[in-house]
Amino acid sequence: MEATLAPGIRGAAIEFCGTEGKLYITRSEFIFTAAERNAVPVTVKSPRDQTIDHVENFLECCRTRKLPNGDVYIGHRSAAASHLGNIAYVQKRRLNYNPDREEILPL
């Protein structure tokens, strides 16, 4: 299977950018680049493609009817964190969020 995220970009990955650098994570490696000028990226390779773990867990759940390691609730909460970060970034402000009601509160 091959996924295209945007024209010319292939695969699945996530990038976290912070004050001390950025961390780029794929299914096969972690790449950290410090914020300093001309910093050399540090790469840590995974011993195997992490997609295999996801597929094995999914097939095991099909056989046993058990919940997967990351069920729909975990996926929803993970996506919400990214969405909230994007909203705060676009609005250029901090957010006050009620996780029980899943709503952004006034400041």
N, C-alpha and C. Protein backbone atom coordinates (compact mmCIF):
# COMPACT_ATOMS: atom_id res chain seq x y z
N MET A 1 0.83 -1.17 0.00
CA MET A 1 0.00 0.00 0.00
C MET A 1 0.88 1.24 0.00
N GLU A 2 0.47 2.24 -0.71
CA GLU A 2 1.20 3.50 -0.73
C GLU A 2 0.20 4.63 -0.54
N ALA A 3 0.52 5.55 0.36
CA ALA A 3 -0.36 6.69 0.61
C ALA A 3 0.34 7.97 0.17
N THR A 4 -0.43 8.87 -0.36
CA THR A 4 0.09 10.18 -0.75
C THR A 4 -0.56 11.22 0.13
N LEU A 5 0.24 11.95 0.90
CA LEU A 5 -0.29 12.97 1.79
C LEU A 5 -0.50 14.29 1.06
N ALA A 6 0.40 14.59 0.17
CA ALA A 6 0.36 15.81 -0.62
C ALA A 6 1.18 15.54 -1.87
N PRO A 7 1.01 16.34 -2.91
CA PRO A 7 1.78 16.09 -4.12
C PRO A 7 3.28 15.98 -3.83
N GLY A 8 3.86 14.86 -4.21
CA GLY A 8 5.29 14.66 -4.03
C GLY A 8 5.71 14.13 -2.68
N ILE A 9 4.77 13.97 -1.75
CA ILE A 9 5.09 13.46 -0.41
C ILE A 9 4.43 12.10 -0.24
N ARG A 10 5.22 11.09 0.12
CA ARG A 10 4.68 9.74 0.25
C ARG A 10 4.90 9.21 1.64
N GLY A 11 4.04 8.27 2.04
CA GLY A 11 4.20 7.62 3.33
C GLY A 11 3.39 8.29 4.42
N ALA A 12 3.61 7.83 5.63
CA ALA A 12 2.90 8.37 6.79
C ALA A 12 3.93 8.81 7.81
N ALA A 13 3.76 10.00 8.32
CA ALA A 13 4.69 10.52 9.31
C ALA A 13 4.02 11.65 10.09
N ILE A 14 4.68 12.03 11.16
CA ILE A 14 4.22 13.18 11.96
C ILE A 14 5.44 13.96 12.37
N GLU A 15 5.29 15.26 12.46
CA GLU A 15 6.40 16.11 12.87
C GLU A 15 5.95 16.99 14.03
N PHE A 16 6.73 16.96 15.11
CA PHE A 16 6.50 17.82 16.26
C PHE A 16 7.56 18.90 16.25
N CYS A 17 7.13 20.16 16.30
CA CYS A 17 8.06 21.28 16.32
C CYS A 17 7.95 21.98 17.66
N GLY A 18 9.09 22.18 18.31
CA GLY A 18 9.11 22.82 19.62
C GLY A 18 10.22 23.85 19.70
N THR A 19 10.39 24.40 20.89
CA THR A 19 11.39 25.45 21.09
C THR A 19 12.81 24.91 21.04
N GLU A 20 13.00 23.62 21.29
CA GLU A 20 14.35 23.05 21.30
C GLU A 20 14.68 22.26 20.04
N GLY A 21 13.73 22.18 19.12
CA GLY A 21 13.99 21.47 17.87
C GLY A 21 12.73 20.83 17.33
N LYS A 22 12.92 19.90 16.39
CA LYS A 22 11.77 19.20 15.82
C LYS A 22 12.05 17.71 15.79
N LEU A 23 10.96 16.95 15.93
CA LEU A 23 11.04 15.49 15.92
C LEU A 23 10.14 14.99 14.82
N TYR A 24 10.72 14.26 13.87
CA TYR A 24 10.00 13.70 12.73
C TYR A 24 9.93 12.19 12.93
N ILE A 25 8.71 11.65 12.95
CA ILE A 25 8.53 10.22 13.24
C ILE A 25 7.82 9.54 12.08
N THR A 26 8.42 8.47 11.58
CA THR A 26 7.79 7.62 10.56
C THR A 26 7.61 6.24 11.16
N ARG A 27 7.12 5.32 10.38
CA ARG A 27 6.96 3.95 10.86
C ARG A 27 8.29 3.22 10.99
N SER A 28 9.37 3.81 10.49
CA SER A 28 10.65 3.11 10.53
C SER A 28 11.78 3.88 11.20
N GLU A 29 11.55 5.16 11.54
CA GLU A 29 12.64 5.92 12.17
C GLU A 29 12.13 7.17 12.88
N PHE A 30 12.99 7.66 13.77
CA PHE A 30 12.78 8.92 14.48
C PHE A 30 13.95 9.83 14.08
N ILE A 31 13.65 11.06 13.71
CA ILE A 31 14.70 12.00 13.34
C ILE A 31 14.52 13.27 14.17
N PHE A 32 15.50 13.56 15.02
CA PHE A 32 15.47 14.78 15.84
C PHE A 32 16.49 15.77 15.30
N THR A 33 16.03 17.00 15.10
CA THR A 33 16.92 18.07 14.67
C THR A 33 16.82 19.20 15.69
N ALA A 34 17.91 19.49 16.35
CA ALA A 34 17.94 20.57 17.35
C ALA A 34 17.70 21.91 16.67
N ALA A 35 17.23 22.87 17.45
CA ALA A 35 16.89 24.19 16.91
C ALA A 35 18.11 25.03 16.56
N GLU A 36 19.28 24.64 17.06
CA GLU A 36 20.48 25.42 16.78
C GLU A 36 20.77 25.48 15.29
N ARG A 37 21.39 26.54 14.89
CA ARG A 37 21.76 26.72 13.49
C ARG A 37 22.74 25.63 13.07
N ASN A 38 22.56 25.08 11.88
CA ASN A 38 23.41 24.03 11.31
C ASN A 38 23.45 22.76 12.15
N ALA A 39 22.39 22.51 12.91
CA ALA A 39 22.33 21.29 13.72
C ALA A 39 22.28 20.06 12.82
N VAL A 40 22.98 19.03 13.22
CA VAL A 40 22.99 17.77 12.46
C VAL A 40 21.85 16.89 12.99
N PRO A 41 20.95 16.44 12.12
CA PRO A 41 19.85 15.58 12.57
C PRO A 41 20.38 14.27 13.17
N VAL A 42 19.71 13.82 14.22
CA VAL A 42 20.03 12.54 14.85
C VAL A 42 18.92 11.56 14.46
N THR A 43 19.30 10.45 13.83
CA THR A 43 18.33 9.47 13.35
C THR A 43 18.45 8.19 14.16
N VAL A 44 17.30 7.69 14.61
CA VAL A 44 17.24 6.39 15.29
C VAL A 44 16.31 5.51 14.47
N LYS A 45 16.85 4.45 13.91
CA LYS A 45 16.07 3.52 13.08
C LYS A 45 15.35 2.51 13.97
N SER A 46 14.15 2.15 13.57
CA SER A 46 13.41 1.09 14.25
C SER A 46 13.93 -0.26 13.77
N PRO A 47 13.95 -1.26 14.66
CA PRO A 47 14.44 -2.57 14.22
C PRO A 47 13.59 -3.20 13.12
N ARG A 48 12.33 -2.78 13.03
CA ARG A 48 11.47 -3.27 11.95
C ARG A 48 10.38 -2.24 11.68
N ASP A 49 9.74 -2.36 10.55
CA ASP A 49 8.67 -1.44 10.16
C ASP A 49 7.52 -1.58 11.15
N GLN A 50 7.13 -0.47 11.78
CA GLN A 50 6.08 -0.51 12.80
C GLN A 50 4.69 -0.80 12.22
N THR A 51 4.54 -0.71 10.91
CA THR A 51 3.27 -1.08 10.29
C THR A 51 2.94 -2.54 10.59
N ILE A 52 3.95 -3.38 10.68
CA ILE A 52 3.75 -4.80 10.95
C ILE A 52 3.03 -4.99 12.27
N ASP A 53 3.42 -4.23 13.31
CA ASP A 53 2.77 -4.34 14.61
C ASP A 53 1.29 -3.98 14.52
N HIS A 54 0.96 -2.94 13.76
CA HIS A 54 -0.44 -2.52 13.61
C HIS A 54 -1.25 -3.60 12.90
N VAL A 55 -0.71 -4.15 11.84
CA VAL A 55 -1.42 -5.19 11.08
C VAL A 55 -1.61 -6.43 11.94
N GLU A 56 -0.57 -6.85 12.66
CA GLU A 56 -0.69 -8.02 13.53
C GLU A 56 -1.75 -7.80 14.60
N ASN A 57 -1.77 -6.61 15.21
CA ASN A 57 -2.77 -6.30 16.23
C ASN A 57 -4.18 -6.32 15.64
N PHE A 58 -4.35 -5.74 14.44
CA PHE A 58 -5.65 -5.73 13.79
C PHE A 58 -6.14 -7.15 13.51
N LEU A 59 -5.28 -7.98 12.95
CA LEU A 59 -5.68 -9.36 12.64
C LEU A 59 -6.00 -10.15 13.90
N GLU A 60 -5.23 -9.93 14.96
CA GLU A 60 -5.51 -10.59 16.24
C GLU A 60 -6.88 -10.17 16.78
N CYS A 61 -7.23 -8.90 16.63
CA CYS A 61 -8.54 -8.42 17.07
C CYS A 61 -9.66 -9.03 16.24
N CYS A 62 -9.43 -9.23 14.96
CA CYS A 62 -10.43 -9.89 14.11
C CYS A 62 -10.67 -11.32 14.58
N ARG A 63 -9.59 -12.01 14.97
CA ARG A 63 -9.72 -13.40 15.42
C ARG A 63 -10.36 -13.51 16.80
N THR A 64 -9.98 -12.61 17.72
CA THR A 64 -10.39 -12.75 19.12
C THR A 64 -11.54 -11.84 19.52
N ARG A 65 -11.87 -10.86 18.69
CA ARG A 65 -12.90 -9.86 18.99
C ARG A 65 -12.54 -8.96 20.17
N LYS A 66 -11.26 -8.89 20.50
CA LYS A 66 -10.78 -7.98 21.54
C LYS A 66 -10.57 -6.60 20.93
N LEU A 67 -10.50 -5.58 21.80
CA LEU A 67 -10.23 -4.23 21.33
C LEU A 67 -8.78 -4.11 20.87
N PRO A 68 -8.54 -3.29 19.87
CA PRO A 68 -7.15 -3.08 19.42
C PRO A 68 -6.37 -2.25 20.45
N ASN A 69 -5.06 -2.22 20.29
CA ASN A 69 -4.22 -1.41 21.17
C ASN A 69 -4.64 0.05 21.15
N GLY A 70 -5.00 0.55 19.99
CA GLY A 70 -5.46 1.93 19.85
C GLY A 70 -6.86 1.92 19.26
N ASP A 71 -7.88 1.90 20.13
CA ASP A 71 -9.25 1.83 19.63
C ASP A 71 -9.72 3.21 19.14
N VAL A 72 -10.98 3.29 18.74
CA VAL A 72 -11.50 4.52 18.13
C VAL A 72 -11.47 5.68 19.12
N TYR A 73 -11.66 5.43 20.40
CA TYR A 73 -11.62 6.50 21.40
C TYR A 73 -10.22 7.10 21.48
N ILE A 74 -9.21 6.25 21.50
CA ILE A 74 -7.83 6.73 21.54
C ILE A 74 -7.52 7.53 20.27
N GLY A 75 -7.98 7.04 19.13
CA GLY A 75 -7.77 7.76 17.87
C GLY A 75 -8.45 9.12 17.88
N HIS A 76 -9.66 9.17 18.42
CA HIS A 76 -10.41 10.43 18.49
C HIS A 76 -9.68 11.44 19.36
N ARG A 77 -9.24 11.01 20.55
CA ARG A 77 -8.56 11.92 21.47
C ARG A 77 -7.21 12.39 20.89
N SER A 78 -6.53 11.50 20.20
CA SER A 78 -5.25 11.87 19.58
C SER A 78 -5.47 12.91 18.49
N ALA A 79 -6.49 12.71 17.67
CA ALA A 79 -6.79 13.67 16.60
C ALA A 79 -7.23 15.01 17.19
N ALA A 80 -8.01 14.97 18.27
CA ALA A 80 -8.48 16.20 18.90
C ALA A 80 -7.31 17.06 19.37
N ALA A 81 -6.27 16.43 19.91
CA ALA A 81 -5.10 17.19 20.37
C ALA A 81 -4.46 17.94 19.20
N SER A 82 -4.35 17.29 18.06
CA SER A 82 -3.78 17.96 16.88
C SER A 82 -4.68 19.08 16.39
N HIS A 83 -5.98 18.83 16.36
CA HIS A 83 -6.92 19.85 15.91
C HIS A 83 -6.88 21.08 16.82
N LEU A 84 -6.82 20.84 18.14
CA LEU A 84 -6.75 21.96 19.08
C LEU A 84 -5.47 22.77 18.88
N GLY A 85 -4.38 22.08 18.64
CA GLY A 85 -3.12 22.79 18.37
C GLY A 85 -3.22 23.64 17.13
N ASN A 86 -3.85 23.12 16.08
CA ASN A 86 -4.02 23.89 14.84
C ASN A 86 -4.94 25.09 15.05
N ILE A 87 -6.02 24.91 15.82
CA ILE A 87 -6.94 26.02 16.09
C ILE A 87 -6.22 27.13 16.85
N ALA A 88 -5.45 26.75 17.88
CA ALA A 88 -4.71 27.74 18.66
C ALA A 88 -3.70 28.48 17.77
N TYR A 89 -3.05 27.75 16.89
CA TYR A 89 -2.06 28.35 16.00
C TYR A 89 -2.71 29.35 15.05
N VAL A 90 -3.82 28.96 14.43
CA VAL A 90 -4.50 29.83 13.46
C VAL A 90 -5.07 31.07 14.16
N GLN A 91 -5.63 30.87 15.36
CA GLN A 91 -6.22 32.00 16.08
C GLN A 91 -5.18 32.80 16.88
N LYS A 92 -3.95 32.31 16.89
CA LYS A 92 -2.85 32.98 17.59
C LYS A 92 -3.20 33.28 19.05
N ARG A 93 -3.74 32.26 19.75
CA ARG A 93 -4.09 32.43 21.16
C ARG A 93 -4.10 31.09 21.87
N ARG A 94 -4.06 31.15 23.18
CA ARG A 94 -4.19 29.94 24.00
C ARG A 94 -5.65 29.51 23.99
N LEU A 95 -5.89 28.22 24.17
CA LEU A 95 -7.25 27.71 24.25
C LEU A 95 -7.52 27.20 25.65
N ASN A 96 -8.74 27.38 26.08
CA ASN A 96 -9.22 26.81 27.33
C ASN A 96 -10.19 25.70 26.93
N TYR A 97 -9.84 24.45 27.18
CA TYR A 97 -10.58 23.31 26.64
C TYR A 97 -11.13 22.44 27.76
N ASN A 98 -12.41 22.07 27.64
CA ASN A 98 -13.03 21.14 28.58
C ASN A 98 -13.04 19.76 27.94
N PRO A 99 -12.17 18.84 28.40
CA PRO A 99 -12.09 17.52 27.75
C PRO A 99 -13.32 16.65 28.00
N ASP A 100 -14.03 16.88 29.10
CA ASP A 100 -15.23 16.08 29.37
C ASP A 100 -16.36 16.43 28.41
N ARG A 101 -16.54 17.72 28.16
CA ARG A 101 -17.59 18.16 27.24
C ARG A 101 -17.08 18.32 25.82
N GLU A 102 -15.75 18.21 25.66
CA GLU A 102 -15.10 18.36 24.36
C GLU A 102 -15.48 19.67 23.68
N GLU A 103 -15.28 20.76 24.41
CA GLU A 103 -15.58 22.07 23.84
C GLU A 103 -14.53 23.09 24.27
N ILE A 104 -14.33 24.05 23.40
CA ILE A 104 -13.41 25.15 23.70
C ILE A 104 -14.19 26.19 24.49
N LEU A 105 -13.63 26.58 25.63
CA LEU A 105 -14.29 27.54 26.52
C LEU A 105 -13.75 28.94 26.28
N PRO A 106 -14.56 29.95 26.59
CA PRO A 106 -14.05 31.32 26.46
C PRO A 106 -12.93 31.56 27.48
N LEU A 107 -12.01 32.44 27.13
CA LEU A 107 -10.89 32.76 28.04
C LEU A 107 -11.34 33.68 29.14
